[in-house]
Amino acid sequence: MSEKREATYQDVLDAPENMIAELIDGELILSPRPGGPHTSVASMLGAELIPPFCHGSGGGPGGWIILDEPELHLGTGVLVPDLAGWHRSRMPQVPEGASFTVVPDWVCEVASKSTEKLDRKRKLPIYAAAGVRHLWLIQPKTRSVDIMRLQGGKWLLIDVHSDGDKVRAEPFDDVEIDLAKLWFALPTKASELSAMYGELEY
């Protein structure tokens, strides 16, 4: 019996265009494009963060680059978070190509039925090993946000915010964020969201 071939970046390039391709521990991971609740929450978070932290509007400090679904090359891994952010002191401008080799200062993953286990068990340790300092994990179904900080090489859960909390969460604690804005386009009843979004698998 022949040994299983280790996947390479060429496999990522050759992946179907309708899938998100990642390379984790030598394995090609293909995930479907995110569903509506996932896409809505990620988009609304970007809309809240980009004006104050990228452009310095609304009393924000500016000084960041925040991007949707960047292709991160971290060691031998290729990961695609829902959002990632860099201090411009570390990455003054985006690279010409599709890949990002500068480790982000912050990443955000929005959990879905198909990606919850992957995010928690396989991607978070890679982010930690690469030295990403801050991570948010958002769960649209429960309307909650886990705020994590890298400490001693491991993720420390700093806080959990939910529903309509108004929060100042690191590394974006210079500006208050109304979490209700993240969920405004989601079904108002939990039963409707469960039917639309499915049961998360832990």
Protein backbone atom coordinates (compact mmCIF):
# COMPACT_ATOMS: atom_id res chain seq x y z
CA MET A 1 0.00 0.00 0.00
CA SER A 2 1.47 3.36 -1.02
CA GLU A 3 1.79 6.12 1.56
CA LYS A 4 -0.64 8.99 1.37
CA ARG A 5 0.87 11.90 -0.53
CA GLU A 6 1.39 15.08 1.48
CA ALA A 7 -0.56 17.96 0.02
CA THR A 8 1.28 20.99 -1.32
CA TYR A 9 0.43 24.56 -2.19
CA GLN A 10 -0.23 23.42 -5.75
CA ASP A 11 -3.21 21.49 -4.39
CA VAL A 12 -4.52 24.74 -2.92
CA LEU A 13 -4.13 26.44 -6.30
CA ASP A 14 -5.87 23.55 -8.05
CA ALA A 15 -8.82 23.45 -5.64
CA PRO A 16 -12.35 24.13 -6.98
CA GLU A 17 -13.14 27.84 -7.09
CA ASN A 18 -16.33 27.36 -5.08
CA MET A 19 -14.40 25.99 -2.09
CA ILE A 20 -12.10 27.56 0.49
CA ALA A 21 -8.82 25.64 0.34
CA GLU A 22 -6.46 25.45 3.32
CA LEU A 23 -3.30 23.45 3.98
CA ILE A 24 -3.04 22.11 7.53
CA ASP A 25 -0.40 19.62 8.68
CA GLY A 26 0.19 18.51 5.11
CA GLU A 27 -3.52 17.90 4.49
CA LEU A 28 -5.66 19.79 1.98
CA ILE A 29 -8.81 20.99 3.73
CA LEU A 30 -11.72 22.05 1.52
CA SER A 31 -14.59 23.96 3.10
CA PRO A 32 -17.77 25.17 1.38
CA ARG A 33 -18.34 28.87 0.94
CA PRO A 34 -19.97 30.24 4.12
CA GLY A 35 -23.73 30.49 4.45
CA GLY A 36 -25.77 33.64 4.83
CA PRO A 37 -25.58 34.16 8.62
CA HIS A 38 -21.81 33.57 8.57
CA THR A 39 -21.27 36.01 5.70
CA SER A 40 -23.54 38.63 7.20
CA VAL A 41 -21.84 38.62 10.61
CA ALA A 42 -18.33 38.76 9.13
CA SER A 43 -19.33 41.62 6.83
CA MET A 44 -20.96 43.61 9.62
CA LEU A 45 -17.91 43.20 11.85
CA GLY A 46 -15.69 44.52 9.07
CA ALA A 47 -18.06 47.46 8.62
CA GLU A 48 -17.70 48.29 12.33
CA LEU A 49 -13.90 47.95 12.52
CA ILE A 50 -12.61 49.34 9.23
CA PRO A 51 -13.76 52.99 9.52
CA PRO A 52 -12.21 53.70 12.95
CA PHE A 53 -9.20 51.38 12.81
CA CYS A 54 -8.18 51.61 9.14
CA HIS A 55 -9.31 55.16 8.30
CA GLY A 56 -9.27 56.78 11.74
CA SER A 57 -12.86 58.02 11.38
CA GLY A 58 -15.38 58.39 14.21
CA GLY A 59 -12.66 59.05 16.76
CA GLY A 60 -10.80 55.85 15.97
CA PRO A 61 -6.99 55.60 16.07
CA GLY A 62 -6.41 54.30 12.52
CA GLY A 63 -3.14 52.50 11.89
CA TRP A 64 -4.55 49.10 10.89
CA ILE A 65 -5.10 47.06 7.74
CA ILE A 66 -8.14 44.77 8.10
CA LEU A 67 -9.02 42.32 5.33
CA ASP A 68 -11.66 39.70 4.51
CA GLU A 69 -10.48 36.12 3.96
CA PRO A 70 -6.74 36.72 3.40
CA GLU A 71 -4.67 33.68 2.46
CA LEU A 72 -2.16 33.40 5.31
CA HIS A 73 1.05 31.44 4.83
CA LEU A 74 2.11 30.50 8.36
CA GLY A 75 5.09 28.15 8.34
CA THR A 76 4.02 25.17 6.22
CA GLY A 77 0.34 25.95 6.68
CA VAL A 78 -2.05 27.92 4.50
CA LEU A 79 -5.03 29.26 6.44
CA VAL A 80 -7.92 31.53 5.45
CA PRO A 81 -9.56 33.28 8.43
CA ASP A 82 -12.77 35.23 7.98
CA LEU A 83 -10.97 38.46 8.86
CA ALA A 84 -7.44 39.41 9.83
CA GLY A 85 -5.77 42.62 10.90
CA TRP A 86 -2.24 43.99 10.90
CA HIS A 87 -0.72 47.07 12.52
CA ARG A 88 0.61 49.18 9.66
CA SER A 89 3.88 49.48 11.57
CA ARG A 90 4.35 45.77 10.78
CA MET A 91 2.68 45.59 7.36
CA PRO A 92 2.54 49.09 5.82
CA GLN A 93 0.81 47.89 2.65
CA VAL A 94 -0.69 44.74 1.23
CA PRO A 95 1.48 42.45 -0.91
CA GLU A 96 1.09 42.22 -4.67
CA GLY A 97 0.25 38.50 -4.73
CA ALA A 98 -2.55 36.49 -3.15
CA SER A 99 -0.55 35.25 -0.15
CA PHE A 100 0.27 37.01 3.12
CA THR A 101 3.44 35.96 4.94
CA VAL A 102 3.44 38.65 7.65
CA VAL A 103 1.76 37.15 10.73
CA PRO A 104 -1.43 39.09 11.59
CA ASP A 105 -1.83 40.84 14.91
CA TRP A 106 -5.47 39.69 15.05
CA VAL A 107 -7.61 37.06 13.36
CA CYS A 108 -11.34 36.38 13.53
CA GLU A 109 -13.10 33.13 12.75
CA VAL A 110 -16.89 32.97 12.41
CA ALA A 111 -18.05 29.50 13.42
CA SER A 112 -20.34 27.50 11.18
CA LYS A 113 -21.60 23.94 11.24
CA SER A 114 -18.87 22.77 8.88
CA THR A 115 -15.94 24.70 10.37
CA GLU A 116 -16.39 24.81 14.18
CA LYS A 117 -14.23 21.78 14.92
CA LEU A 118 -11.63 22.78 12.33
CA ASP A 119 -11.33 26.28 13.76
CA ARG A 120 -10.99 25.23 17.39
CA LYS A 121 -8.93 22.05 17.16
CA ARG A 122 -6.64 22.66 14.20
CA LYS A 123 -6.50 26.30 13.18
CA LEU A 124 -6.26 27.96 16.61
CA PRO A 125 -3.07 26.04 17.55
CA ILE A 126 -1.45 27.11 14.26
CA TYR A 127 -2.34 30.75 14.88
CA ALA A 128 -0.81 30.45 18.35
CA ALA A 129 2.38 28.78 17.10
CA ALA A 130 2.77 31.53 14.48
CA GLY A 131 2.50 34.26 17.12
CA VAL A 132 -0.87 35.82 16.32
CA ARG A 133 -1.53 37.91 19.43
CA HIS A 134 -5.32 38.30 19.40
CA LEU A 135 -8.20 36.12 18.20
CA TRP A 136 -11.96 36.46 18.13
CA LEU A 137 -14.24 33.45 17.64
CA ILE A 138 -17.81 34.42 16.75
CA GLN A 139 -20.82 32.10 16.91
CA PRO A 140 -23.82 33.55 15.02
CA LYS A 141 -26.19 30.88 16.34
CA THR A 142 -25.66 31.95 19.96
CA ARG A 143 -24.86 35.57 19.06
CA SER A 144 -21.64 35.43 21.06
CA VAL A 145 -18.01 36.50 20.68
CA ASP A 146 -15.09 34.82 22.45
CA ILE A 147 -12.18 37.24 22.96
CA MET A 148 -8.79 35.53 23.24
CA ARG A 149 -5.23 36.69 23.83
CA LEU A 150 -2.05 34.72 23.23
CA GLN A 151 -0.27 34.16 26.53
CA GLY A 152 2.59 31.76 27.08
CA GLY A 153 2.06 30.28 23.63
CA LYS A 154 -1.56 29.35 24.39
CA TRP A 155 -4.93 31.02 23.95
CA LEU A 156 -6.29 32.68 27.08
CA LEU A 157 -10.03 33.39 27.03
CA ILE A 158 -10.33 37.02 28.13
CA ASP A 159 -14.08 37.50 27.89
CA VAL A 160 -17.27 36.31 26.23
CA HIS A 161 -19.72 38.91 24.96
CA SER A 162 -23.16 38.28 23.52
CA ASP A 163 -26.45 39.62 22.20
CA GLY A 164 -26.61 43.44 22.43
CA ASP A 165 -23.55 43.99 24.60
CA LYS A 166 -21.64 47.19 23.97
CA VAL A 167 -18.00 46.21 24.29
CA ARG A 168 -14.45 47.45 24.11
CA ALA A 169 -12.57 44.30 23.19
CA GLU A 170 -8.84 44.06 22.66
CA PRO A 171 -7.07 44.80 20.40
CA PHE A 172 -9.84 47.19 19.31
CA ASP A 173 -10.74 48.56 22.73
CA ASP A 174 -10.23 52.20 21.66
CA VAL A 175 -13.76 52.18 20.22
CA GLU A 176 -16.99 50.75 21.62
CA ILE A 177 -18.72 48.18 19.41
CA ASP A 178 -22.45 47.49 19.65
CA LEU A 179 -22.72 43.75 19.04
CA ALA A 180 -26.38 44.09 18.10
CA LYS A 181 -25.16 45.50 14.78
CA LEU A 182 -23.52 42.16 13.98
CA TRP A 183 -26.77 40.23 14.24
CA PHE A 184 -29.24 42.76 12.79
CA ALA A 185 -29.83 40.79 9.54
CA LEU A 186 -30.22 37.40 11.27
CA PRO A 187 -33.59 35.80 12.08
CA THR A 188 -35.02 37.21 15.30
CA LYS A 189 -36.05 33.85 16.75
CA ALA A 190 -33.49 31.27 17.85
CA SER A 191 -35.60 28.49 16.30
CA GLU A 192 -35.50 30.25 12.92
CA LEU A 193 -31.73 30.64 13.09
CA SER A 194 -31.31 26.97 14.08
CA ALA A 195 -33.38 25.88 11.11
CA MET A 196 -31.44 28.18 8.80
CA TYR A 197 -28.00 27.58 10.24
CA GLY A 198 -28.09 23.98 11.46
CA GLU A 199 -26.79 22.51 14.68
CA LEU A 200 -23.17 23.24 15.48
CA GLU A 201 -21.06 20.15 16.06
CA TYR A 202 -18.59 20.23 18.94
